[in-house]
Amino acid sequence: MDDWNLIVVQLGSITALTALVTIIARHRFRGSITIAVATILGIFAGVAGASHGPGEILQGDIAPSGIIIEAWPSLTLLSGEPAMTLIPNFRVSGIVTVFSGLAVTIWAATRIRSKNGGLVLILLSIIMFLVGGGLIPPVFGVVAGIIGARVTKKI
């Protein structure tokens, strides 16, 4: 599979999963466009971060050469999807990345309106960043958490 096919499959999967989870969670919006934006950004961050995990898992039980890694080294068009991990094993890092991405997705979809929902989303996004969830997706999670935290202050 060449780079373009892999990118199309990955982006299509991310978009489809984000749309599906957003549709399922839409009753949580309760008419607030700000909560809707925070939820969608958080869901996108989680799904996009989790998509780094399978690439790390496929690299096997080897140690990365440093803390900055390529989640999908064969994906040269996106520079191998750079990520950062503090875990010294690609397979373990990939598994933890998938679970942390799922945690971000589920939290954004269901708990963003809770008392400390935004702060927890920020924390989960930072964890996702530290275990291999990419360099960009956690930024979306932090932004979603900031939006969520500001909205819950107003409520």
N, C-alpha and C. Protein backbone atom coordinates (compact mmCIF):
# COMPACT_ATOMS: atom_id res chain seq x y z
N MET A 1 0.85 -1.17 0.00
CA MET A 1 0.00 0.00 0.00
C MET A 1 0.90 1.24 0.00
N ASP A 2 0.67 2.14 -0.93
CA ASP A 2 1.52 3.33 -0.96
C ASP A 2 1.00 4.38 0.02
N ASP A 3 1.77 5.47 0.16
CA ASP A 3 1.48 6.51 1.15
C ASP A 3 0.08 7.09 1.00
N TRP A 4 -0.33 7.39 -0.23
CA TRP A 4 -1.62 8.03 -0.43
C TRP A 4 -2.76 7.14 0.01
N ASN A 5 -2.69 5.86 -0.30
CA ASN A 5 -3.75 4.95 0.13
C ASN A 5 -3.86 4.90 1.64
N LEU A 6 -2.71 4.81 2.30
CA LEU A 6 -2.70 4.74 3.76
C LEU A 6 -3.25 6.03 4.36
N ILE A 7 -2.89 7.17 3.79
CA ILE A 7 -3.40 8.46 4.29
C ILE A 7 -4.91 8.54 4.11
N VAL A 8 -5.40 8.13 2.95
CA VAL A 8 -6.84 8.18 2.69
C VAL A 8 -7.58 7.25 3.66
N VAL A 9 -7.06 6.06 3.86
CA VAL A 9 -7.70 5.13 4.79
C VAL A 9 -7.69 5.69 6.21
N GLN A 10 -6.54 6.22 6.64
CA GLN A 10 -6.45 6.77 8.00
C GLN A 10 -7.37 7.96 8.19
N LEU A 11 -7.32 8.92 7.29
CA LEU A 11 -8.16 10.10 7.44
C LEU A 11 -9.64 9.76 7.32
N GLY A 12 -9.96 8.84 6.44
CA GLY A 12 -11.35 8.39 6.31
C GLY A 12 -11.83 7.73 7.59
N SER A 13 -10.99 6.90 8.17
CA SER A 13 -11.35 6.23 9.43
C SER A 13 -11.52 7.23 10.56
N ILE A 14 -10.60 8.17 10.66
CA ILE A 14 -10.67 9.19 11.70
C ILE A 14 -11.95 10.01 11.55
N THR A 15 -12.26 10.42 10.33
CA THR A 15 -13.45 11.21 10.08
C THR A 15 -14.71 10.42 10.39
N ALA A 16 -14.76 9.18 9.94
CA ALA A 16 -15.94 8.36 10.17
C ALA A 16 -16.16 8.09 11.66
N LEU A 17 -15.10 7.76 12.38
CA LEU A 17 -15.23 7.51 13.81
C LEU A 17 -15.62 8.77 14.57
N THR A 18 -15.03 9.90 14.19
CA THR A 18 -15.39 11.16 14.83
C THR A 18 -16.86 11.48 14.60
N ALA A 19 -17.32 11.32 13.37
CA ALA A 19 -18.72 11.59 13.06
C ALA A 19 -19.65 10.64 13.81
N LEU A 20 -19.30 9.36 13.85
CA LEU A 20 -20.13 8.38 14.54
C LEU A 20 -20.26 8.68 16.03
N VAL A 21 -19.13 8.93 16.68
CA VAL A 21 -19.17 9.20 18.12
C VAL A 21 -19.87 10.53 18.38
N THR A 22 -19.70 11.50 17.50
CA THR A 22 -20.37 12.79 17.67
C THR A 22 -21.88 12.63 17.57
N ILE A 23 -22.33 11.83 16.62
CA ILE A 23 -23.77 11.59 16.46
C ILE A 23 -24.32 10.90 17.70
N ILE A 24 -23.59 9.92 18.20
CA ILE A 24 -24.03 9.20 19.39
C ILE A 24 -24.09 10.13 20.60
N ALA A 25 -23.15 11.05 20.69
CA ALA A 25 -23.06 11.93 21.87
C ALA A 25 -23.81 13.25 21.71
N ARG A 26 -24.50 13.46 20.62
CA ARG A 26 -25.08 14.78 20.37
C ARG A 26 -26.13 15.19 21.40
N HIS A 27 -26.77 14.26 22.05
CA HIS A 27 -27.74 14.65 23.08
C HIS A 27 -27.06 15.37 24.23
N ARG A 28 -25.74 15.24 24.35
CA ARG A 28 -25.00 15.93 25.41
C ARG A 28 -24.83 17.42 25.12
N PHE A 29 -24.99 17.82 23.87
CA PHE A 29 -24.75 19.22 23.51
C PHE A 29 -25.77 20.15 24.16
N ARG A 30 -27.01 19.72 24.25
CA ARG A 30 -28.10 20.49 24.85
C ARG A 30 -28.18 21.92 24.32
N GLY A 31 -28.01 22.08 23.02
CA GLY A 31 -28.17 23.38 22.41
C GLY A 31 -26.97 24.30 22.50
N SER A 32 -25.90 23.90 23.15
CA SER A 32 -24.73 24.76 23.29
C SER A 32 -23.73 24.47 22.18
N ILE A 33 -23.53 25.43 21.30
CA ILE A 33 -22.57 25.26 20.21
C ILE A 33 -21.15 25.18 20.74
N THR A 34 -20.88 25.85 21.86
CA THR A 34 -19.54 25.82 22.44
C THR A 34 -19.21 24.42 22.95
N ILE A 35 -20.16 23.79 23.63
CA ILE A 35 -19.96 22.42 24.09
C ILE A 35 -19.83 21.49 22.89
N ALA A 36 -20.60 21.74 21.84
CA ALA A 36 -20.51 20.92 20.63
C ALA A 36 -19.10 21.00 20.03
N VAL A 37 -18.56 22.20 19.95
CA VAL A 37 -17.21 22.37 19.40
C VAL A 37 -16.18 21.68 20.28
N ALA A 38 -16.28 21.86 21.59
CA ALA A 38 -15.33 21.22 22.51
C ALA A 38 -15.42 19.70 22.38
N THR A 39 -16.63 19.18 22.30
CA THR A 39 -16.82 17.73 22.18
C THR A 39 -16.24 17.20 20.88
N ILE A 40 -16.54 17.86 19.78
CA ILE A 40 -16.05 17.40 18.48
C ILE A 40 -14.52 17.47 18.42
N LEU A 41 -13.94 18.56 18.91
CA LEU A 41 -12.48 18.67 18.93
C LEU A 41 -11.85 17.57 19.80
N GLY A 42 -12.47 17.31 20.95
CA GLY A 42 -11.96 16.27 21.84
C GLY A 42 -12.06 14.88 21.22
N ILE A 43 -13.18 14.61 20.59
CA ILE A 43 -13.36 13.32 19.92
C ILE A 43 -12.34 13.16 18.80
N PHE A 44 -12.17 14.21 18.00
CA PHE A 44 -11.19 14.17 16.92
C PHE A 44 -9.79 13.92 17.48
N ALA A 45 -9.45 14.60 18.57
CA ALA A 45 -8.12 14.44 19.19
C ALA A 45 -7.91 13.00 19.62
N GLY A 46 -8.90 12.41 20.27
CA GLY A 46 -8.77 11.05 20.75
C GLY A 46 -8.63 10.03 19.63
N VAL A 47 -9.47 10.15 18.62
CA VAL A 47 -9.42 9.20 17.50
C VAL A 47 -8.12 9.37 16.71
N ALA A 48 -7.73 10.62 16.46
CA ALA A 48 -6.48 10.86 15.73
C ALA A 48 -5.27 10.40 16.53
N GLY A 49 -5.30 10.61 17.84
CA GLY A 49 -4.19 10.14 18.68
C GLY A 49 -4.12 8.63 18.72
N ALA A 50 -5.27 7.99 18.85
CA ALA A 50 -5.32 6.52 18.88
C ALA A 50 -4.85 5.91 17.57
N SER A 51 -5.00 6.64 16.47
CA SER A 51 -4.57 6.10 15.17
C SER A 51 -3.06 5.93 15.08
N HIS A 52 -2.31 6.55 15.96
CA HIS A 52 -0.86 6.36 15.99
C HIS A 52 -0.49 5.00 16.59
N GLY A 53 -1.35 4.49 17.45
CA GLY A 53 -1.07 3.26 18.17
C GLY A 53 -0.78 2.03 17.30
N PRO A 54 -1.64 1.73 16.31
CA PRO A 54 -1.38 0.54 15.49
C PRO A 54 -0.02 0.59 14.77
N GLY A 55 0.39 1.76 14.34
CA GLY A 55 1.70 1.89 13.70
C GLY A 55 2.83 1.57 14.66
N GLU A 56 2.66 1.97 15.91
CA GLU A 56 3.67 1.67 16.93
C GLU A 56 3.64 0.18 17.28
N ILE A 57 2.46 -0.39 17.39
CA ILE A 57 2.32 -1.82 17.69
C ILE A 57 2.99 -2.67 16.62
N LEU A 58 2.80 -2.30 15.36
CA LEU A 58 3.36 -3.07 14.25
C LEU A 58 4.89 -3.06 14.21
N GLN A 59 5.50 -2.09 14.89
CA GLN A 59 6.96 -2.04 14.93
C GLN A 59 7.55 -3.06 15.89
N GLY A 60 6.71 -3.65 16.74
CA GLY A 60 7.14 -4.78 17.57
C GLY A 60 7.78 -4.39 18.89
N ASP A 61 8.40 -5.42 19.49
CA ASP A 61 9.02 -5.26 20.81
C ASP A 61 10.45 -4.75 20.70
N ILE A 62 10.60 -3.57 20.14
CA ILE A 62 11.92 -2.97 20.06
C ILE A 62 11.89 -1.61 20.75
N ALA A 63 13.03 -1.19 21.18
CA ALA A 63 13.13 0.11 21.86
C ALA A 63 13.30 1.22 20.83
N PRO A 64 12.61 2.33 21.01
CA PRO A 64 12.82 3.47 20.11
C PRO A 64 14.21 4.05 20.32
N SER A 65 14.71 4.74 19.31
CA SER A 65 16.05 5.33 19.40
C SER A 65 16.07 6.61 20.23
N GLY A 66 14.91 7.17 20.52
CA GLY A 66 14.81 8.38 21.32
C GLY A 66 13.37 8.59 21.73
N ILE A 67 13.08 9.77 22.32
CA ILE A 67 11.71 9.99 22.74
C ILE A 67 10.81 10.45 21.59
N ILE A 68 11.38 11.02 20.55
CA ILE A 68 10.61 11.39 19.36
C ILE A 68 10.69 10.22 18.40
N ILE A 69 9.52 9.70 18.02
CA ILE A 69 9.46 8.50 17.20
C ILE A 69 8.61 8.75 15.96
N GLU A 70 8.64 7.82 15.05
CA GLU A 70 7.73 7.80 13.91
C GLU A 70 6.73 6.69 14.15
N ALA A 71 5.47 7.06 14.32
CA ALA A 71 4.44 6.06 14.59
C ALA A 71 4.22 5.16 13.38
N TRP A 72 4.26 5.72 12.21
CA TRP A 72 4.10 4.97 10.96
C TRP A 72 5.30 5.29 10.07
N PRO A 73 6.43 4.62 10.26
CA PRO A 73 7.64 4.97 9.49
C PRO A 73 7.47 4.84 7.98
N SER A 74 6.59 3.94 7.53
CA SER A 74 6.41 3.77 6.08
C SER A 74 5.59 4.90 5.47
N LEU A 75 4.99 5.72 6.28
CA LEU A 75 4.17 6.82 5.79
C LEU A 75 5.04 8.06 5.62
N THR A 76 5.84 8.05 4.56
CA THR A 76 6.82 9.11 4.35
C THR A 76 6.18 10.45 4.01
N LEU A 77 4.98 10.43 3.46
CA LEU A 77 4.32 11.67 3.08
C LEU A 77 4.03 12.56 4.29
N LEU A 78 3.81 11.94 5.45
CA LEU A 78 3.57 12.70 6.68
C LEU A 78 4.75 12.58 7.63
N SER A 79 5.93 12.37 7.09
CA SER A 79 7.16 12.23 7.88
C SER A 79 7.06 11.13 8.93
N GLY A 80 6.33 10.08 8.60
CA GLY A 80 6.21 8.94 9.51
C GLY A 80 5.28 9.17 10.68
N GLU A 81 4.46 10.19 10.62
CA GLU A 81 3.57 10.58 11.73
C GLU A 81 4.35 10.67 13.03
N PRO A 82 5.05 11.76 13.25
CA PRO A 82 5.88 11.89 14.45
C PRO A 82 5.05 11.89 15.73
N ALA A 83 5.64 11.32 16.75
CA ALA A 83 5.02 11.26 18.07
C ALA A 83 6.14 11.29 19.11
N MET A 84 5.73 11.41 20.35
CA MET A 84 6.70 11.38 21.44
C MET A 84 6.25 10.31 22.42
N THR A 85 7.19 9.52 22.90
CA THR A 85 6.84 8.52 23.91
C THR A 85 7.92 8.42 24.97
N LEU A 86 7.48 8.24 26.18
CA LEU A 86 8.41 7.99 27.28
C LEU A 86 8.51 6.50 27.58
N ILE A 87 7.73 5.70 26.86
CA ILE A 87 7.72 4.25 27.06
C ILE A 87 8.80 3.63 26.17
N PRO A 88 9.70 2.83 26.72
CA PRO A 88 10.85 2.31 25.95
C PRO A 88 10.55 1.05 25.13
N ASN A 89 9.33 0.90 24.63
CA ASN A 89 8.97 -0.26 23.83
C ASN A 89 7.85 0.15 22.89
N PHE A 90 8.05 -0.07 21.58
CA PHE A 90 7.05 0.35 20.60
C PHE A 90 5.70 -0.33 20.82
N ARG A 91 5.71 -1.65 21.04
CA ARG A 91 4.44 -2.38 21.17
C ARG A 91 3.66 -1.88 22.38
N VAL A 92 4.32 -1.76 23.52
CA VAL A 92 3.64 -1.28 24.73
C VAL A 92 3.16 0.15 24.54
N SER A 93 4.00 0.97 23.93
CA SER A 93 3.62 2.35 23.65
C SER A 93 2.38 2.42 22.76
N GLY A 94 2.32 1.56 21.74
CA GLY A 94 1.16 1.53 20.85
C GLY A 94 -0.11 1.13 21.56
N ILE A 95 -0.02 0.13 22.43
CA ILE A 95 -1.20 -0.32 23.17
C ILE A 95 -1.69 0.78 24.11
N VAL A 96 -0.76 1.40 24.83
CA VAL A 96 -1.13 2.48 25.75
C VAL A 96 -1.68 3.68 24.96
N THR A 97 -1.14 3.93 23.78
CA THR A 97 -1.63 5.02 22.94
C THR A 97 -3.07 4.80 22.53
N VAL A 98 -3.38 3.59 22.10
CA VAL A 98 -4.76 3.28 21.69
C VAL A 98 -5.71 3.49 22.87
N PHE A 99 -5.35 2.98 24.05
CA PHE A 99 -6.22 3.13 25.21
C PHE A 99 -6.33 4.59 25.67
N SER A 100 -5.24 5.34 25.60
CA SER A 100 -5.32 6.75 26.00
C SER A 100 -6.15 7.55 24.99
N GLY A 101 -6.03 7.22 23.71
CA GLY A 101 -6.87 7.87 22.69
C GLY A 101 -8.35 7.56 22.89
N LEU A 102 -8.64 6.31 23.25
CA LEU A 102 -10.03 5.95 23.55
C LEU A 102 -10.53 6.69 24.78
N ALA A 103 -9.67 6.84 25.78
CA ALA A 103 -10.06 7.57 27.00
C ALA A 103 -10.38 9.03 26.67
N VAL A 104 -9.55 9.65 25.84
CA VAL A 104 -9.81 11.04 25.43
C VAL A 104 -11.13 11.12 24.68
N THR A 105 -11.35 10.19 23.75
CA THR A 105 -12.59 10.19 22.95
C THR A 105 -13.82 10.02 23.83
N ILE A 106 -13.78 9.04 24.70
CA ILE A 106 -14.94 8.76 25.55
C ILE A 106 -15.19 9.91 26.52
N TRP A 107 -14.11 10.46 27.11
CA TRP A 107 -14.29 11.57 28.05
C TRP A 107 -14.87 12.79 27.33
N ALA A 108 -14.35 13.10 26.15
CA ALA A 108 -14.86 14.26 25.41
C ALA A 108 -16.32 14.07 25.02
N ALA A 109 -16.69 12.85 24.71
CA ALA A 109 -18.06 12.58 24.27
C ALA A 109 -19.06 12.56 25.42
N THR A 110 -18.60 12.21 26.63
CA THR A 110 -19.57 11.99 27.70
C THR A 110 -19.41 12.89 28.92
N ARG A 111 -18.21 13.39 29.21
CA ARG A 111 -17.98 14.05 30.48
C ARG A 111 -17.46 15.48 30.38
N ILE A 112 -17.45 16.06 29.20
CA ILE A 112 -16.88 17.40 29.03
C ILE A 112 -17.65 18.44 29.85
N ARG A 113 -18.92 18.21 30.11
CA ARG A 113 -19.74 19.17 30.86
C ARG A 113 -19.66 18.99 32.36
N SER A 114 -18.98 17.95 32.82
CA SER A 114 -18.90 17.72 34.26
C SER A 114 -18.06 18.81 34.92
N LYS A 115 -18.07 18.83 36.25
CA LYS A 115 -17.44 19.92 37.00
C LYS A 115 -15.99 20.17 36.56
N ASN A 116 -15.18 19.14 36.49
CA ASN A 116 -13.78 19.29 36.07
C ASN A 116 -13.53 18.59 34.74
N GLY A 117 -14.55 18.50 33.91
CA GLY A 117 -14.45 17.78 32.65
C GLY A 117 -13.37 18.32 31.73
N GLY A 118 -13.28 19.63 31.62
CA GLY A 118 -12.26 20.24 30.76
C GLY A 118 -10.85 19.98 31.25
N LEU A 119 -10.66 20.08 32.56
CA LEU A 119 -9.33 19.85 33.13
C LEU A 119 -8.90 18.40 32.97
N VAL A 120 -9.83 17.47 33.16
CA VAL A 120 -9.50 16.05 32.98
C VAL A 120 -9.16 15.78 31.51
N LEU A 121 -9.89 16.42 30.59
CA LEU A 121 -9.59 16.24 29.17
C LEU A 121 -8.18 16.76 28.84
N ILE A 122 -7.80 17.86 29.42
CA ILE A 122 -6.45 18.39 29.23
C ILE A 122 -5.42 17.39 29.75
N LEU A 123 -5.65 16.85 30.93
CA LEU A 123 -4.74 15.86 31.51
C LEU A 123 -4.65 14.60 30.66
N LEU A 124 -5.79 14.10 30.19
CA LEU A 124 -5.78 12.92 29.33
C LEU A 124 -5.04 13.19 28.01
N SER A 125 -5.19 14.39 27.49
CA SER A 125 -4.50 14.75 26.24
C SER A 125 -3.00 14.81 26.44
N ILE A 126 -2.57 15.32 27.59
CA ILE A 126 -1.14 15.36 27.89
C ILE A 126 -0.59 13.94 28.04
N ILE A 127 -1.35 13.08 28.70
CA ILE A 127 -0.93 11.68 28.82
C ILE A 127 -0.82 11.05 27.43
N MET A 128 -1.81 11.31 26.58
CA MET A 128 -1.78 10.77 25.22
C MET A 128 -0.53 11.26 24.48
N PHE A 129 -0.17 12.51 24.68
CA PHE A 129 1.03 13.08 24.08
C PHE A 129 2.29 12.35 24.56
N LEU A 130 2.36 12.06 25.84
CA LEU A 130 3.56 11.46 26.44
C LEU A 130 3.73 9.97 26.13
N VAL A 131 2.66 9.30 25.68
CA VAL A 131 2.77 7.87 25.42
C VAL A 131 2.80 7.52 23.93
N GLY A 132 2.74 8.51 23.05
CA GLY A 132 2.88 8.23 21.62
C GLY A 132 1.67 8.58 20.77
N GLY A 133 0.79 9.43 21.27
CA GLY A 133 -0.42 9.80 20.54
C GLY A 133 -0.24 10.91 19.53
N GLY A 134 0.97 11.14 19.09
CA GLY A 134 1.23 12.16 18.09
C GLY A 134 1.59 13.50 18.70
N LEU A 135 2.01 14.41 17.84
CA LEU A 135 2.37 15.75 18.29
C LEU A 135 1.22 16.73 18.13
N ILE A 136 0.35 16.52 17.15
CA ILE A 136 -0.74 17.45 16.86
C ILE A 136 -2.05 17.07 17.54
N PRO A 137 -2.51 15.81 17.51
CA PRO A 137 -3.81 15.49 18.12
C PRO A 137 -3.95 15.93 19.58
N PRO A 138 -2.92 15.78 20.42
CA PRO A 138 -3.10 16.26 21.80
C PRO A 138 -3.36 17.77 21.91
N VAL A 139 -2.87 18.53 20.95
CA VAL A 139 -3.13 19.98 20.96
C VAL A 139 -4.63 20.23 20.82
N PHE A 140 -5.28 19.46 19.93
CA PHE A 140 -6.74 19.58 19.78
C PHE A 140 -7.45 19.21 21.08
N GLY A 141 -6.94 18.20 21.77
CA GLY A 141 -7.53 17.80 23.05
C GLY A 141 -7.38 18.87 24.12
N VAL A 142 -6.22 19.52 24.17
CA VAL A 142 -6.00 20.59 25.14
C VAL A 142 -6.91 21.77 24.82
N VAL A 143 -7.03 22.12 23.55
CA VAL A 143 -7.93 23.23 23.17
C VAL A 143 -9.37 22.88 23.55
N ALA A 144 -9.78 21.64 23.29
CA ALA A 144 -11.14 21.22 23.67
C ALA A 144 -11.32 21.30 25.18
N GLY A 145 -10.31 20.90 25.92
CA GLY A 145 -10.38 20.97 27.38
C GLY A 145 -10.48 22.40 27.88
N ILE A 146 -9.74 23.31 27.27
CA ILE A 146 -9.81 24.73 27.66
C ILE A 146 -11.20 25.27 27.40
N ILE A 147 -11.74 24.96 26.23
CA ILE A 147 -13.11 25.40 25.90
C ILE A 147 -14.09 24.80 26.91
N GLY A 148 -13.97 23.51 27.17
CA GLY A 148 -14.86 22.86 28.12
C GLY A 148 -14.76 23.43 29.52
N ALA A 149 -13.55 23.74 29.96
CA ALA A 149 -13.35 24.32 31.29
C ALA A 149 -13.98 25.71 31.38
N ARG A 150 -13.86 26.49 30.32
CA ARG A 150 -14.44 27.84 30.33
C ARG A 150 -15.96 27.79 30.32
N VAL A 151 -16.52 26.82 29.61
CA VAL A 151 -17.98 26.71 29.55
C VAL A 151 -18.54 26.26 30.89
N THR A 152 -17.89 25.30 31.54
CA THR A 152 -18.41 24.81 32.82
C THR A 152 -18.30 25.88 33.90
N LYS A 153 -17.39 26.82 33.76
CA LYS A 153 -17.33 27.94 34.71
C LYS A 153 -18.56 28.84 34.60
N LYS A 154 -19.07 28.97 33.37
CA LYS A 154 -20.22 29.84 33.13
C LYS A 154 -21.53 29.21 33.61
N ILE A 155 -21.56 27.88 33.67
CA ILE A 155 -22.80 27.19 34.02
C ILE A 155 -23.09 27.33 35.50
